[in-house]
Amino acid sequence: MKFNLGDDISTIVLLCMFLAIFFVMIHMIKKMKSTTPVPPPPTTQQQVEDLTIRVANLEQQVKQLADRK
């Protein structure tokens, strides 16, 4: 079995392409892992507390409007 210079060159080119793709994929995976995770949605208790504060503020505004008249 005899190998030509062309066989050696094409084998080296294919090996380099494989290594380049391999390292690019590793880089992309690391980049995806380093992105900040999305914060979890607020819990029901937090939503209730926020709405309670908003209702209290609206009640104060209504009271102030009523006192003006």
PDB file of N, CA and C in Angstrom:
ATOM      1  N   MET A   1       0.855  -1.177   0.000  1.00  0.00           N
ATOM      2  CA  MET A   1       0.000   0.000   0.000  1.00  0.00           C
ATOM      3  C   MET A   1       0.897   1.235   0.000  1.00  0.00           C
ATOM      4  N   LYS A   2       0.744   2.098  -0.970  1.00  0.00           N
ATOM      5  CA  LYS A   2       1.609   3.256  -1.127  1.00  0.00           C
ATOM      6  C   LYS A   2       0.793   4.531  -0.939  1.00  0.00           C
ATOM      7  N   PHE A   3       1.331   5.447  -0.148  1.00  0.00           N
ATOM      8  CA  PHE A   3       0.665   6.724   0.082  1.00  0.00           C
ATOM      9  C   PHE A   3       1.376   7.798  -0.717  1.00  0.00           C
ATOM     10  N   ASN A   4       0.596   8.645  -1.327  1.00  0.00           N
ATOM     11  CA  ASN A   4       1.141   9.765  -2.082  1.00  0.00           C
ATOM     12  C   ASN A   4       1.217  11.000  -1.192  1.00  0.00           C
ATOM     13  N   LEU A   5       1.898  12.002  -1.670  1.00  0.00           N
ATOM     14  CA  LEU A   5       1.964  13.272  -0.944  1.00  0.00           C
ATOM     15  C   LEU A   5       0.566  13.892  -0.822  1.00  0.00           C
ATOM     16  N   GLY A   6      -0.239  13.722  -1.852  1.00  0.00           N
ATOM     17  CA  GLY A   6      -1.612  14.249  -1.812  1.00  0.00           C
ATOM     18  C   GLY A   6      -2.432  13.608  -0.717  1.00  0.00           C
ATOM     19  N   ASP A   7      -2.232  12.301  -0.475  1.00  0.00           N
ATOM     20  CA  ASP A   7      -2.947  11.625   0.603  1.00  0.00           C
ATOM     21  C   ASP A   7      -2.562  12.206   1.958  1.00  0.00           C
ATOM     22  N   ASP A   8      -1.284  12.458   2.153  1.00  0.00           N
ATOM     23  CA  ASP A   8      -0.826  13.029   3.411  1.00  0.00           C
ATOM     24  C   ASP A   8      -1.409  14.432   3.620  1.00  0.00           C
ATOM     25  N   ILE A   9      -1.399  15.241   2.586  1.00  0.00           N
ATOM     26  CA  ILE A   9      -1.909  16.608   2.693  1.00  0.00           C
ATOM     27  C   ILE A   9      -3.405  16.606   2.988  1.00  0.00           C
ATOM     28  N   SER A  10      -4.167  15.780   2.279  1.00  0.00           N
ATOM     29  CA  SER A  10      -5.607  15.764   2.510  1.00  0.00           C
ATOM     30  C   SER A  10      -5.931  15.235   3.903  1.00  0.00           C
ATOM     31  N   THR A  11      -5.147  14.281   4.394  1.00  0.00           N
ATOM     32  CA  THR A  11      -5.364  13.769   5.746  1.00  0.00           C
ATOM     33  C   THR A  11      -5.081  14.852   6.779  1.00  0.00           C
ATOM     34  N   ILE A  12      -4.022  15.599   6.597  1.00  0.00           N
ATOM     35  CA  ILE A  12      -3.685  16.680   7.529  1.00  0.00           C
ATOM     36  C   ILE A  12      -4.751  17.773   7.484  1.00  0.00           C
ATOM     37  N   VAL A  13      -5.236  18.102   6.298  1.00  0.00           N
ATOM     38  CA  VAL A  13      -6.279  19.131   6.165  1.00  0.00           C
ATOM     39  C   VAL A  13      -7.551  18.686   6.872  1.00  0.00           C
ATOM     40  N   LEU A  14      -7.942  17.431   6.695  1.00  0.00           N
ATOM     41  CA  LEU A  14      -9.141  16.928   7.366  1.00  0.00           C
ATOM     42  C   LEU A  14      -8.964  16.929   8.880  1.00  0.00           C
ATOM     43  N   LEU A  15      -7.792  16.545   9.359  1.00  0.00           N
ATOM     44  CA  LEU A  15      -7.529  16.549  10.787  1.00  0.00           C
ATOM     45  C   LEU A  15      -7.600  17.965  11.353  1.00  0.00           C
ATOM     46  N   CYS A  16      -7.031  18.924  10.649  1.00  0.00           N
ATOM     47  CA  CYS A  16      -7.078  20.321  11.098  1.00  0.00           C
ATOM     48  C   CYS A  16      -8.512  20.845  11.122  1.00  0.00           C
ATOM     49  N   MET A  17      -9.303  20.488  10.106  1.00  0.00           N
ATOM     50  CA  MET A  17     -10.704  20.930  10.088  1.00  0.00           C
ATOM     51  C   MET A  17     -11.467  20.332  11.268  1.00  0.00           C
ATOM     52  N   PHE A  18     -11.243  19.063  11.557  1.00  0.00           N
ATOM     53  CA  PHE A  18     -11.913  18.407  12.677  1.00  0.00           C
ATOM     54  C   PHE A  18     -11.535  19.088  13.998  1.00  0.00           C
ATOM     55  N   LEU A  19     -10.236  19.359  14.183  1.00  0.00           N
ATOM     56  CA  LEU A  19      -9.793  20.012  15.417  1.00  0.00           C
ATOM     57  C   LEU A  19     -10.375  21.420  15.539  1.00  0.00           C
ATOM     58  N   ALA A  20     -10.436  22.151  14.441  1.00  0.00           N
ATOM     59  CA  ALA A  20     -10.996  23.503  14.476  1.00  0.00           C
ATOM     60  C   ALA A  20     -12.469  23.466  14.874  1.00  0.00           C
ATOM     61  N   ILE A  21     -13.224  22.554  14.272  1.00  0.00           N
ATOM     62  CA  ILE A  21     -14.651  22.428  14.614  1.00  0.00           C
ATOM     63  C   ILE A  21     -14.798  22.022  16.073  1.00  0.00           C
ATOM     64  N   PHE A  22     -13.963  21.105  16.543  1.00  0.00           N
ATOM     65  CA  PHE A  22     -14.022  20.636  17.915  1.00  0.00           C
ATOM     66  C   PHE A  22     -13.798  21.791  18.897  1.00  0.00           C
ATOM     67  N   PHE A  23     -12.752  22.596  18.662  1.00  0.00           N
ATOM     68  CA  PHE A  23     -12.459  23.686  19.580  1.00  0.00           C
ATOM     69  C   PHE A  23     -13.502  24.804  19.498  1.00  0.00           C
ATOM     70  N   VAL A  24     -14.056  25.035  18.326  1.00  0.00           N
ATOM     71  CA  VAL A  24     -15.120  26.038  18.199  1.00  0.00           C
ATOM     72  C   VAL A  24     -16.347  25.596  18.993  1.00  0.00           C
ATOM     73  N   MET A  25     -16.671  24.327  18.923  1.00  0.00           N
ATOM     74  CA  MET A  25     -17.828  23.827  19.683  1.00  0.00           C
ATOM     75  C   MET A  25     -17.589  23.946  21.187  1.00  0.00           C
ATOM     76  N   ILE A  26     -16.383  23.623  21.644  1.00  0.00           N
ATOM     77  CA  ILE A  26     -16.080  23.761  23.071  1.00  0.00           C
ATOM     78  C   ILE A  26     -16.194  25.229  23.489  1.00  0.00           C
ATOM     79  N   HIS A  27     -15.689  26.135  22.663  1.00  0.00           N
ATOM     80  CA  HIS A  27     -15.776  27.562  22.976  1.00  0.00           C
ATOM     81  C   HIS A  27     -17.230  28.027  23.056  1.00  0.00           C
ATOM     82  N   MET A  28     -18.060  27.564  22.139  1.00  0.00           N
ATOM     83  CA  MET A  28     -19.473  27.960  22.152  1.00  0.00           C
ATOM     84  C   MET A  28     -20.184  27.424  23.390  1.00  0.00           C
ATOM     85  N   ILE A  29     -19.866  26.192  23.786  1.00  0.00           N
ATOM     86  CA  ILE A  29     -20.494  25.621  24.982  1.00  0.00           C
ATOM     87  C   ILE A  29     -20.080  26.403  26.224  1.00  0.00           C
ATOM     88  N   LYS A  30     -18.805  26.764  26.325  1.00  0.00           N
ATOM     89  CA  LYS A  30     -18.355  27.563  27.463  1.00  0.00           C
ATOM     90  C   LYS A  30     -19.037  28.931  27.473  1.00  0.00           C
ATOM     91  N   LYS A  31     -19.208  29.506  26.310  1.00  0.00           N
ATOM     92  CA  LYS A  31     -19.850  30.821  26.214  1.00  0.00           C
ATOM     93  C   LYS A  31     -21.309  30.730  26.649  1.00  0.00           C
ATOM     94  N   MET A  32     -21.984  29.651  26.278  1.00  0.00           N
ATOM     95  CA  MET A  32     -23.378  29.491  26.683  1.00  0.00           C
ATOM     96  C   MET A  32     -23.488  29.299  28.192  1.00  0.00           C
ATOM     97  N   LYS A  33     -22.541  28.585  28.788  1.00  0.00           N
ATOM     98  CA  LYS A  33     -22.591  28.353  30.230  1.00  0.00           C
ATOM     99  C   LYS A  33     -22.300  29.624  31.005  1.00  0.00           C
ATOM    100  N   SER A  34     -21.522  30.536  30.448  1.00  0.00           N
ATOM    101  CA  SER A  34     -21.124  31.734  31.176  1.00  0.00           C
ATOM    102  C   SER A  34     -22.193  32.825  31.140  1.00  0.00           C
ATOM    103  N   THR A  35     -23.229  32.670  30.343  1.00  0.00           N
ATOM    104  CA  THR A  35     -24.282  33.679  30.308  1.00  0.00           C
ATOM    105  C   THR A  35     -25.049  33.641  31.616  1.00  0.00           C
ATOM    106  N   THR A  36     -25.534  34.793  32.052  1.00  0.00           N
ATOM    107  CA  THR A  36     -26.235  34.860  33.329  1.00  0.00           C
ATOM    108  C   THR A  36     -27.578  34.148  33.215  1.00  0.00           C
ATOM    109  N   PRO A  37     -27.927  33.365  34.211  1.00  0.00           N
ATOM    110  CA  PRO A  37     -29.212  32.670  34.156  1.00  0.00           C
ATOM    111  C   PRO A  37     -30.373  33.641  34.353  1.00  0.00           C
ATOM    112  N   VAL A  38     -31.495  33.289  33.818  1.00  0.00           N
ATOM    113  CA  VAL A  38     -32.697  34.111  33.941  1.00  0.00           C
ATOM    114  C   VAL A  38     -33.212  33.986  35.370  1.00  0.00           C
ATOM    115  N   PRO A  39     -33.514  35.106  36.033  1.00  0.00           N
ATOM    116  CA  PRO A  39     -34.020  34.999  37.403  1.00  0.00           C
ATOM    117  C   PRO A  39     -35.378  34.304  37.418  1.00  0.00           C
ATOM    118  N   PRO A  40     -35.674  33.584  38.492  1.00  0.00           N
ATOM    119  CA  PRO A  40     -36.957  32.884  38.546  1.00  0.00           C
ATOM    120  C   PRO A  40     -38.109  33.876  38.617  1.00  0.00           C
ATOM    121  N   PRO A  41     -39.260  33.485  38.124  1.00  0.00           N
ATOM    122  CA  PRO A  41     -40.412  34.395  38.194  1.00  0.00           C
ATOM    123  C   PRO A  41     -40.796  34.642  39.653  1.00  0.00           C
ATOM    124  N   PRO A  42     -41.397  35.797  39.946  1.00  0.00           N
ATOM    125  CA  PRO A  42     -41.757  36.087  41.337  1.00  0.00           C
ATOM    126  C   PRO A  42     -42.790  35.081  41.854  1.00  0.00           C
ATOM    127  N   THR A  43     -42.652  34.783  43.124  1.00  0.00           N
ATOM    128  CA  THR A  43     -43.584  33.830  43.725  1.00  0.00           C
ATOM    129  C   THR A  43     -44.930  34.503  43.949  1.00  0.00           C
ATOM    130  N   THR A  44     -45.907  33.706  44.258  1.00  0.00           N
ATOM    131  CA  THR A  44     -47.245  34.240  44.500  1.00  0.00           C
ATOM    132  C   THR A  44     -47.241  35.164  45.704  1.00  0.00           C
ATOM    133  N   GLN A  45     -46.454  34.803  46.716  1.00  0.00           N
ATOM    134  CA  GLN A  45     -46.370  35.648  47.911  1.00  0.00           C
ATOM    135  C   GLN A  45     -45.802  37.021  47.571  1.00  0.00           C
ATOM    136  N   GLN A  46     -44.794  37.058  46.732  1.00  0.00           N
ATOM    137  CA  GLN A  46     -44.210  38.346  46.326  1.00  0.00           C
ATOM    138  C   GLN A  46     -45.226  39.166  45.532  1.00  0.00           C
ATOM    139  N   GLN A  47     -45.972  38.502  44.660  1.00  0.00           N
ATOM    140  CA  GLN A  47     -46.973  39.209  43.876  1.00  0.00           C
ATOM    141  C   GLN A  47     -48.056  39.778  44.782  1.00  0.00           C
ATOM    142  N   VAL A  48     -48.464  39.013  45.792  1.00  0.00           N
ATOM    143  CA  VAL A  48     -49.491  39.485  46.731  1.00  0.00           C
ATOM    144  C   VAL A  48     -48.974  40.695  47.497  1.00  0.00           C
ATOM    145  N   GLU A  49     -47.714  40.646  47.938  1.00  0.00           N
ATOM    146  CA  GLU A  49     -47.143  41.785  48.674  1.00  0.00           C
ATOM    147  C   GLU A  49     -47.069  43.024  47.797  1.00  0.00           C
ATOM    148  N   ASP A  50     -46.663  42.852  46.551  1.00  0.00           N
ATOM    149  CA  ASP A  50     -46.599  43.994  45.630  1.00  0.00           C
ATOM    150  C   ASP A  50     -47.975  44.599  45.400  1.00  0.00           C
ATOM    151  N   LEU A  51     -48.960  43.745  45.204  1.00  0.00           N
ATOM    152  CA  LEU A  51     -50.323  44.244  44.989  1.00  0.00           C
ATOM    153  C   LEU A  51     -50.864  44.923  46.247  1.00  0.00           C
ATOM    154  N   THR A  52     -50.520  44.408  47.410  1.00  0.00           N
ATOM    155  CA  THR A  52     -50.966  45.023  48.659  1.00  0.00           C
ATOM    156  C   THR A  52     -50.400  46.430  48.786  1.00  0.00           C
ATOM    157  N   ILE A  53     -49.143  46.599  48.443  1.00  0.00           N
ATOM    158  CA  ILE A  53     -48.516  47.921  48.498  1.00  0.00           C
ATOM    159  C   ILE A  53     -49.184  48.872  47.504  1.00  0.00           C
ATOM    160  N   ARG A  54     -49.454  48.364  46.308  1.00  0.00           N
ATOM    161  CA  ARG A  54     -50.106  49.208  45.295  1.00  0.00           C
ATOM    162  C   ARG A  54     -51.502  49.622  45.740  1.00  0.00           C
ATOM    163  N   VAL A  55     -52.251  48.684  46.335  1.00  0.00           N
ATOM    164  CA  VAL A  55     -53.602  49.004  46.812  1.00  0.00           C
ATOM    165  C   VAL A  55     -53.533  50.047  47.922  1.00  0.00           C
ATOM    166  N   ALA A  56     -52.554  49.907  48.834  1.00  0.00           N
ATOM    167  CA  ALA A  56     -52.417  50.886  49.919  1.00  0.00           C
ATOM    168  C   ALA A  56     -52.110  52.268  49.345  1.00  0.00           C
ATOM    169  N   ASN A  57     -51.237  52.339  48.354  1.00  0.00           N
ATOM    170  CA  ASN A  57     -50.931  53.629  47.725  1.00  0.00           C
ATOM    171  C   ASN A  57     -52.157  54.221  47.052  1.00  0.00           C
ATOM    172  N   LEU A  58     -52.929  53.395  46.359  1.00  0.00           N
ATOM    173  CA  LEU A  58     -54.139  53.898  45.702  1.00  0.00           C
ATOM    174  C   LEU A  58     -55.167  54.368  46.727  1.00  0.00           C
ATOM    175  N   GLU A  59     -55.275  53.661  47.847  1.00  0.00           N
ATOM    176  CA  GLU A  59     -56.210  54.087  48.889  1.00  0.00           C
ATOM    177  C   GLU A  59     -55.805  55.450  49.457  1.00  0.00           C
ATOM    178  N   GLN A  60     -54.500  55.663  49.624  1.00  0.00           N
ATOM    179  CA  GLN A  60     -54.029  56.965  50.114  1.00  0.00           C
ATOM    180  C   GLN A  60     -54.342  58.060  49.112  1.00  0.00           C
ATOM    181  N   GLN A  61     -54.175  57.781  47.828  1.00  0.00           N
ATOM    182  CA  GLN A  61     -54.477  58.781  46.807  1.00  0.00           C
ATOM    183  C   GLN A  61     -55.962  59.115  46.797  1.00  0.00           C
ATOM    184  N   VAL A  62     -56.809  58.086  46.934  1.00  0.00           N
ATOM    185  CA  VAL A  62     -58.250  58.322  46.961  1.00  0.00           C
ATOM    186  C   VAL A  62     -58.628  59.160  48.185  1.00  0.00           C
ATOM    187  N   LYS A  63     -58.021  58.846  49.321  1.00  0.00           N
ATOM    188  CA  LYS A  63     -58.306  59.596  50.546  1.00  0.00           C
ATOM    189  C   LYS A  63     -57.878  61.048  50.389  1.00  0.00           C
ATOM    190  N   GLN A  64     -56.688  61.272  49.773  1.00  0.00           N
ATOM    191  CA  GLN A  64     -56.233  62.648  49.575  1.00  0.00           C
ATOM    192  C   GLN A  64     -57.155  63.398  48.634  1.00  0.00           C
ATOM    193  N   LEU A  65     -57.627  62.748  47.579  1.00  0.00           N
ATOM    194  CA  LEU A  65     -58.562  63.397  46.670  1.00  0.00           C
ATOM    195  C   LEU A  65     -59.886  63.722  47.356  1.00  0.00           C
ATOM    196  N   ALA A  66     -60.342  62.814  48.204  1.00  0.00           N
ATOM    197  CA  ALA A  66     -61.604  63.035  48.919  1.00  0.00           C
ATOM    198  C   ALA A  66     -61.443  64.190  49.924  1.00  0.00           C
ATOM    199  N   ASP A  67     -60.279  64.288  50.542  1.00  0.00           N
ATOM    200  CA  ASP A  67     -60.062  65.366  51.530  1.00  0.00           C
ATOM    201  C   ASP A  67     -60.002  66.737  50.866  1.00  0.00           C
ATOM    202  N   ARG A  68     -59.612  66.804  49.606  1.00  0.00           N
ATOM    203  CA  ARG A  68     -59.537  68.092  48.918  1.00  0.00           C
ATOM    204  C   ARG A  68     -60.927  68.698  48.711  1.00  0.00           C
ATOM    205  N   LYS A  69     -61.899  67.853  48.558  1.00  0.00           N
ATOM    206  CA  LYS A  69     -63.255  68.379  48.267  1.00  0.00           C
ATOM    207  C   LYS A  69     -63.987  68.758  49.482  1.00  0.00           C
TER     208      LYS A  69
END
